[in-house]
Amino acid sequence: MLGPAILAASRSDKMRRIVSAAPVTKPVVTRFIPGETVDQVIPIVEELTRKGLEVTLDVVGEDITTVEQSYAARDAYLELIGRLKDLGLGEKAEMSVKLSMFGQALEGGHELALANVRPVVEAAAAIGTTVTLDAEDHTTLDSMFAIHEELRKDFPQTGCVIQAYLFRTEADARRLADAGSRVRIVKGAYKEPAEVAYQDKGEIDKAYVRILKTLMEGKGYPMIGSHDPRLIAIGQELARQAGRKPDEYEFQMLYGIRSEEHLRLAAEGHRMRVYTAYGTDWYGYFMRRLAEKPANLLFFLRSMITKN
């Protein structure tokens, strides 16, 4: 029941100031966001890849208000790609981007976001990796999917994210599976109205399984974004039933959550990718991690209570 309240707080400037000012916040945030700069996150990438894991990197930030901020977001990703190239990590680390950070919500935002993300996708392809377009709230998705389709004309490996709790997603999955693109499926982490999204956890889980089955039976590359042991096991079984080889799908989990499971899946021969966010504008991302799982919120509250 706390999830919707936390998601509402993720868009509150007042709550942003309170949480950001709390002395305990930063040490807890580092559980999910290991750094604010490229220099801080690159050693994490090196450590994870040495352990046989792969990475998707997210420069956190959203809800920008100026065109200049959208250019800064583009340049931050280009800087990251340059560092990955220098270290030879291109094939082990992809990028995840939120189009809101590239100016999607500004005037003329669709064209602006496309213009900003294209050089990032091009630079990623040049070092042997790719970009996945993250899903945000339902009002942004038509634009996101249109940009995804446009980018795939030149960079067919460009991925996108779909969210199981939205009613529209089963139809989106059928279209994307047939198109053969890279698709990450997640449950969904935004506060959505009952008119467009399932509100019951059980219904969301059922939708997740139906959608994942569609992806596994399709021509694309499914990316299973979940920490749920039951959904992970179901994903393995659906892959087996579809006759998929271990390199024809992958699991994705967040940095700082179920790290031992990351290693277990990798040791079993699965492709396991760790979603690793970094940057200074961490508040919205952090609050959604708290909303997704009660244990994350309890961890944060316990840290606040016990902090001297």
Protein backbone atom coordinates (compact mmCIF):
# COMPACT_ATOMS: atom_id res chain seq x y z
CA MET A 1 0.00 0.00 0.00
CA LEU A 2 2.97 2.30 0.49
CA GLY A 3 4.10 1.94 -3.11
CA PRO A 4 1.72 4.52 -4.64
CA ALA A 5 2.56 7.02 -1.90
CA ILE A 6 6.28 6.62 -2.53
CA LEU A 7 5.78 7.00 -6.28
CA ALA A 8 3.84 10.20 -5.68
CA ALA A 9 6.70 11.42 -3.48
CA SER A 10 9.14 10.72 -6.30
CA ARG A 11 7.59 13.68 -8.18
CA SER A 12 7.44 15.99 -5.14
CA ASP A 13 10.00 18.79 -4.93
CA LYS A 14 9.33 19.13 -1.20
CA MET A 15 10.03 15.43 -0.56
CA ARG A 16 13.08 15.64 -2.80
CA ARG A 17 14.53 18.36 -0.54
CA ILE A 18 13.71 16.45 2.67
CA VAL A 19 15.13 13.12 1.50
CA SER A 20 18.20 14.70 -0.10
CA ALA A 21 19.01 16.66 3.07
CA ALA A 22 18.74 13.67 5.43
CA PRO A 23 22.27 12.75 6.63
CA VAL A 24 21.62 9.02 6.21
CA THR A 25 20.34 9.24 2.64
CA LYS A 26 23.59 9.24 0.69
CA PRO A 27 25.09 6.09 2.30
CA VAL A 28 21.84 4.23 1.63
CA VAL A 29 21.55 5.52 -1.93
CA THR A 30 24.94 4.01 -2.75
CA ARG A 31 23.40 0.57 -2.33
CA PHE A 32 21.49 1.21 -5.57
CA ILE A 33 23.56 3.96 -7.21
CA PRO A 34 27.30 3.30 -6.83
CA GLY A 35 28.57 6.68 -8.00
CA GLU A 36 27.84 10.13 -9.35
CA THR A 37 30.53 10.33 -12.03
CA VAL A 38 31.97 8.23 -14.84
CA ASP A 39 35.20 7.89 -12.85
CA GLN A 40 33.27 6.39 -9.95
CA VAL A 41 31.18 3.95 -11.96
CA ILE A 42 33.83 2.59 -14.35
CA PRO A 43 35.55 0.51 -11.60
CA ILE A 44 32.14 -1.00 -10.81
CA VAL A 45 31.72 -1.99 -14.46
CA GLU A 46 35.19 -3.54 -14.46
CA GLU A 47 34.45 -5.48 -11.27
CA LEU A 48 31.12 -6.81 -12.53
CA THR A 49 32.50 -7.89 -15.89
CA ARG A 50 35.43 -9.67 -14.22
CA LYS A 51 32.81 -11.76 -12.41
CA GLY A 52 31.26 -12.88 -15.69
CA LEU A 53 28.40 -10.39 -15.62
CA GLU A 54 27.29 -7.86 -18.21
CA VAL A 55 26.08 -4.35 -17.52
CA THR A 56 23.57 -1.79 -18.71
CA LEU A 57 24.41 1.75 -17.65
CA ASP A 58 21.90 4.50 -16.90
CA VAL A 59 22.94 8.11 -16.36
CA VAL A 60 20.11 9.04 -13.98
CA GLY A 61 18.04 12.12 -14.60
CA GLU A 62 14.57 12.96 -15.90
CA ASP A 63 11.96 15.72 -16.03
CA ILE A 64 14.43 18.23 -17.44
CA THR A 65 13.18 21.74 -18.13
CA THR A 66 15.58 23.20 -20.71
CA VAL A 67 17.03 22.28 -24.09
CA GLU A 68 20.50 22.85 -22.66
CA GLN A 69 19.88 20.11 -20.09
CA SER A 70 18.94 17.72 -22.88
CA TYR A 71 22.23 18.45 -24.63
CA ALA A 72 24.09 17.84 -21.36
CA ALA A 73 22.38 14.44 -21.05
CA ARG A 74 23.43 13.51 -24.57
CA ASP A 75 27.00 14.57 -23.85
CA ALA A 76 27.09 12.60 -20.60
CA TYR A 77 26.30 9.42 -22.52
CA LEU A 78 28.83 10.22 -25.22
CA GLU A 79 31.47 10.69 -22.50
CA LEU A 80 30.51 7.32 -21.02
CA ILE A 81 30.78 5.60 -24.39
CA GLY A 82 34.21 7.13 -24.91
CA ARG A 83 35.42 5.70 -21.62
CA LEU A 84 34.00 2.26 -22.39
CA LYS A 85 35.79 2.35 -25.75
CA ASP A 86 39.12 3.24 -24.16
CA LEU A 87 38.81 0.30 -21.72
CA GLY A 88 37.58 -2.20 -24.30
CA LEU A 89 34.31 -2.74 -22.45
CA GLY A 90 31.95 -2.06 -25.33
CA GLU A 91 30.80 -5.64 -25.79
CA LYS A 92 30.04 -6.07 -22.07
CA ALA A 93 28.22 -2.82 -21.34
CA GLU A 94 25.20 -1.35 -23.07
CA MET A 95 23.34 1.88 -22.28
CA SER A 96 19.79 2.50 -21.05
CA VAL A 97 18.32 5.94 -21.71
CA LYS A 98 15.17 7.76 -20.63
CA LEU A 99 13.93 9.97 -23.43
CA SER A 100 12.53 12.47 -20.92
CA MET A 101 16.16 13.23 -20.09
CA PHE A 102 16.77 13.96 -23.79
CA GLY A 103 13.99 16.55 -23.93
CA GLN A 104 10.94 14.47 -24.83
CA ALA A 105 8.55 16.56 -22.69
CA LEU A 106 9.74 19.94 -23.96
CA GLU A 107 8.19 21.86 -26.85
CA GLY A 108 9.03 19.93 -29.99
CA GLY A 109 10.26 17.23 -27.63
CA HIS A 110 9.75 14.21 -29.86
CA GLU A 111 12.06 15.56 -32.54
CA LEU A 112 14.49 16.91 -29.94
CA ALA A 113 14.73 13.57 -28.13
CA LEU A 114 15.29 11.73 -31.41
CA ALA A 115 17.99 14.19 -32.46
CA ASN A 116 19.73 13.83 -29.09
CA VAL A 117 19.57 10.07 -28.80
CA ARG A 118 20.65 9.27 -32.36
CA PRO A 119 24.35 10.21 -31.89
CA VAL A 120 24.38 8.17 -28.67
CA VAL A 121 23.02 5.10 -30.49
CA GLU A 122 25.50 5.65 -33.33
CA ALA A 123 28.46 5.97 -30.95
CA ALA A 124 27.37 2.86 -29.05
CA ALA A 125 27.17 0.85 -32.26
CA ALA A 126 30.68 1.99 -33.18
CA ILE A 127 32.13 0.31 -30.06
CA GLY A 128 30.14 -2.89 -30.47
CA THR A 129 27.28 -2.24 -28.10
CA THR A 130 23.75 -0.85 -28.15
CA VAL A 131 21.17 1.34 -26.43
CA THR A 132 17.85 0.41 -24.84
CA LEU A 133 15.08 3.00 -24.58
CA ASP A 134 13.56 2.84 -21.11
CA ALA A 135 9.79 2.97 -20.69
CA GLU A 136 8.41 5.80 -18.58
CA ASP A 137 4.79 6.66 -17.75
CA HIS A 138 2.12 5.64 -20.26
CA THR A 139 1.72 9.14 -21.75
CA THR A 140 5.26 8.96 -23.19
CA LEU A 141 5.11 5.54 -24.81
CA ASP A 142 3.77 6.34 -28.28
CA SER A 143 6.65 8.76 -28.74
CA MET A 144 9.17 6.27 -27.33
CA PHE A 145 8.02 3.47 -29.63
CA ALA A 146 8.06 5.78 -32.65
CA ILE A 147 11.64 6.83 -31.87
CA HIS A 148 12.56 3.17 -31.33
CA GLU A 149 11.16 2.25 -34.73
CA GLU A 150 13.01 5.13 -36.41
CA LEU A 151 16.35 4.24 -34.80
CA ARG A 152 16.04 0.59 -35.74
CA LYS A 153 16.06 1.50 -39.43
CA ASP A 154 19.80 2.17 -39.11
CA PHE A 155 20.54 0.38 -35.82
CA PRO A 156 18.30 -2.71 -35.65
CA GLN A 157 19.88 -3.82 -32.37
CA THR A 158 18.35 -0.84 -30.51
CA GLY A 159 16.24 -2.12 -27.62
CA CYS A 160 13.18 -0.92 -25.77
CA VAL A 161 11.35 -1.63 -22.53
CA ILE A 162 7.76 -2.77 -22.02
CA GLN A 163 5.84 -2.80 -18.74
CA ALA A 164 3.63 -5.73 -17.77
CA TYR A 165 1.18 -3.73 -15.70
CA LEU A 166 -0.12 -1.70 -18.66
CA PHE A 167 -3.12 -3.06 -20.55
CA ARG A 168 -1.58 -2.07 -23.88
CA THR A 169 1.59 -4.09 -23.40
CA GLU A 170 0.38 -7.47 -24.67
CA ALA A 171 -0.33 -5.90 -28.06
CA ASP A 172 3.00 -4.04 -27.97
CA ALA A 173 4.79 -7.31 -27.20
CA ARG A 174 3.21 -9.11 -30.17
CA ARG A 175 4.31 -6.32 -32.49
CA LEU A 176 7.84 -6.17 -31.11
CA ALA A 177 8.34 -9.93 -30.98
CA ASP A 178 7.48 -10.17 -34.65
CA ALA A 179 9.81 -7.30 -35.48
CA GLY A 180 12.75 -9.11 -33.93
CA SER A 181 14.02 -6.35 -31.64
CA ARG A 182 15.63 -6.49 -28.20
CA VAL A 183 12.87 -6.15 -25.60
CA ARG A 184 13.24 -5.83 -21.83
CA ILE A 185 10.11 -6.74 -19.91
CA VAL A 186 9.61 -5.31 -16.42
CA LYS A 187 6.58 -5.16 -14.12
CA GLY A 188 6.44 -1.34 -14.14
CA ALA A 189 7.54 1.30 -11.64
CA TYR A 190 5.35 4.36 -12.25
CA LYS A 191 2.07 5.33 -10.61
CA GLU A 192 -0.52 4.59 -13.31
CA PRO A 193 -4.32 4.97 -13.16
CA ALA A 194 -6.67 1.97 -13.12
CA GLU A 195 -7.91 3.00 -16.58
CA VAL A 196 -4.62 1.98 -18.18
CA ALA A 197 -2.90 -0.45 -15.79
CA TYR A 198 -3.49 -3.43 -13.55
CA GLN A 199 -3.43 -2.47 -9.88
CA ASP A 200 -3.37 -5.98 -8.38
CA LYS A 201 0.04 -7.66 -7.98
CA GLY A 202 -1.34 -11.05 -8.96
CA GLU A 203 -2.81 -9.68 -12.18
CA ILE A 204 0.49 -7.97 -13.00
CA ASP A 205 2.38 -11.23 -12.51
CA LYS A 206 -0.05 -13.11 -14.77
CA ALA A 207 0.32 -10.45 -17.46
CA TYR A 208 4.11 -10.63 -17.11
CA VAL A 209 4.07 -14.38 -17.81
CA ARG A 210 1.74 -14.02 -20.81
CA ILE A 211 3.89 -11.28 -22.30
CA LEU A 212 7.14 -13.14 -21.66
CA LYS A 213 5.72 -16.21 -23.39
CA THR A 214 4.94 -14.06 -26.42
CA LEU A 215 8.50 -12.71 -26.47
CA MET A 216 10.08 -16.15 -26.04
CA GLU A 217 8.03 -17.58 -28.90
CA GLY A 218 8.78 -14.61 -31.15
CA LYS A 219 11.75 -13.62 -33.29
CA GLY A 220 13.27 -11.05 -30.97
CA TYR A 221 15.70 -11.10 -28.07
CA PRO A 222 13.89 -11.13 -24.68
CA MET A 223 15.49 -9.46 -21.67
CA ILE A 224 13.86 -10.62 -18.43
CA GLY A 225 13.91 -7.71 -15.97
CA SER A 226 12.88 -9.17 -12.62
CA HIS A 227 14.18 -10.14 -9.19
CA ASP A 228 11.21 -12.43 -8.52
CA PRO A 229 12.49 -16.02 -8.11
CA ARG A 230 9.23 -17.46 -9.44
CA LEU A 231 9.30 -15.32 -12.58
CA ILE A 232 12.96 -16.15 -13.14
CA ALA A 233 12.18 -19.86 -12.97
CA ILE A 234 9.22 -19.39 -15.32
CA GLY A 235 11.47 -17.48 -17.71
CA GLN A 236 13.93 -20.36 -17.77
CA GLU A 237 11.15 -22.84 -18.51
CA LEU A 238 9.61 -20.68 -21.24
CA ALA A 239 13.05 -20.35 -22.87
CA ARG A 240 13.43 -24.14 -22.77
CA GLN A 241 9.99 -24.68 -24.28
CA ALA A 242 10.76 -22.18 -27.04
CA GLY A 243 14.04 -23.96 -27.82
CA ARG A 244 16.14 -20.91 -27.08
CA LYS A 245 19.88 -21.23 -26.54
CA PRO A 246 21.49 -19.46 -23.53
CA ASP A 247 22.72 -16.59 -25.73
CA GLU A 248 19.25 -15.96 -27.19
CA TYR A 249 17.82 -14.22 -24.12
CA GLU A 250 19.10 -12.73 -20.88
CA PHE A 251 18.23 -11.85 -17.32
CA GLN A 252 18.54 -8.32 -15.97
CA MET A 253 18.56 -7.22 -12.34
CA LEU A 254 19.33 -3.97 -10.55
CA TYR A 255 22.70 -3.21 -9.03
CA GLY A 256 22.56 -3.78 -5.27
CA ILE A 257 19.61 -6.18 -5.29
CA ARG A 258 20.05 -9.97 -5.04
CA SER A 259 23.72 -9.80 -6.01
CA GLU A 260 24.28 -13.46 -5.17
CA GLU A 261 21.54 -14.40 -7.62
CA HIS A 262 23.39 -12.44 -10.33
CA LEU A 263 26.41 -14.67 -9.84
CA ARG A 264 24.37 -17.88 -9.58
CA LEU A 265 22.64 -17.31 -12.91
CA ALA A 266 25.92 -16.38 -14.60
CA ALA A 267 27.58 -19.50 -13.18
CA GLU A 268 24.78 -21.61 -14.66
CA GLY A 269 25.61 -20.25 -18.10
CA HIS A 270 22.89 -17.63 -18.39
CA ARG A 271 23.54 -14.13 -19.70
CA MET A 272 23.09 -11.93 -16.65
CA ARG A 273 23.12 -8.15 -17.02
CA VAL A 274 23.27 -5.76 -14.04
CA TYR A 275 21.34 -2.50 -14.46
CA THR A 276 23.71 0.08 -12.98
CA ALA A 277 22.67 3.71 -12.56
CA TYR A 278 24.92 6.63 -11.71
CA GLY A 279 24.75 10.41 -11.61
CA THR A 280 23.84 13.31 -9.35
CA ASP A 281 20.11 13.44 -10.12
CA TRP A 282 19.38 10.19 -8.33
CA TYR A 283 16.20 11.07 -6.41
CA GLY A 284 13.47 9.82 -8.79
CA TYR A 285 15.32 6.60 -9.54
CA PHE A 286 15.98 5.96 -5.83
CA MET A 287 12.35 6.50 -4.82
CA ARG A 288 11.09 4.06 -7.46
CA ARG A 289 13.47 1.41 -6.11
CA LEU A 290 11.94 1.92 -2.67
CA ALA A 291 8.42 1.67 -4.09
CA GLU A 292 9.09 -1.54 -5.99
CA LYS A 293 9.81 -3.71 -2.97
CA PRO A 294 8.93 -3.30 0.73
CA ALA A 295 12.32 -4.71 1.74
CA ASN A 296 14.04 -1.77 0.05
CA LEU A 297 11.93 0.71 2.03
CA LEU A 298 12.54 -1.17 5.29
CA PHE A 299 16.27 -1.10 4.59
CA PHE A 300 16.13 2.68 4.15
CA LEU A 301 13.97 3.31 7.24
CA ARG A 302 16.08 1.02 9.42
CA SER A 303 19.19 2.90 8.35
CA MET A 304 17.56 6.21 9.28
CA ILE A 305 16.50 4.90 12.69
CA THR A 306 19.85 3.35 13.60
CA LYS A 307 22.05 6.12 12.24
CA ASN A 308 24.00 7.82 15.04
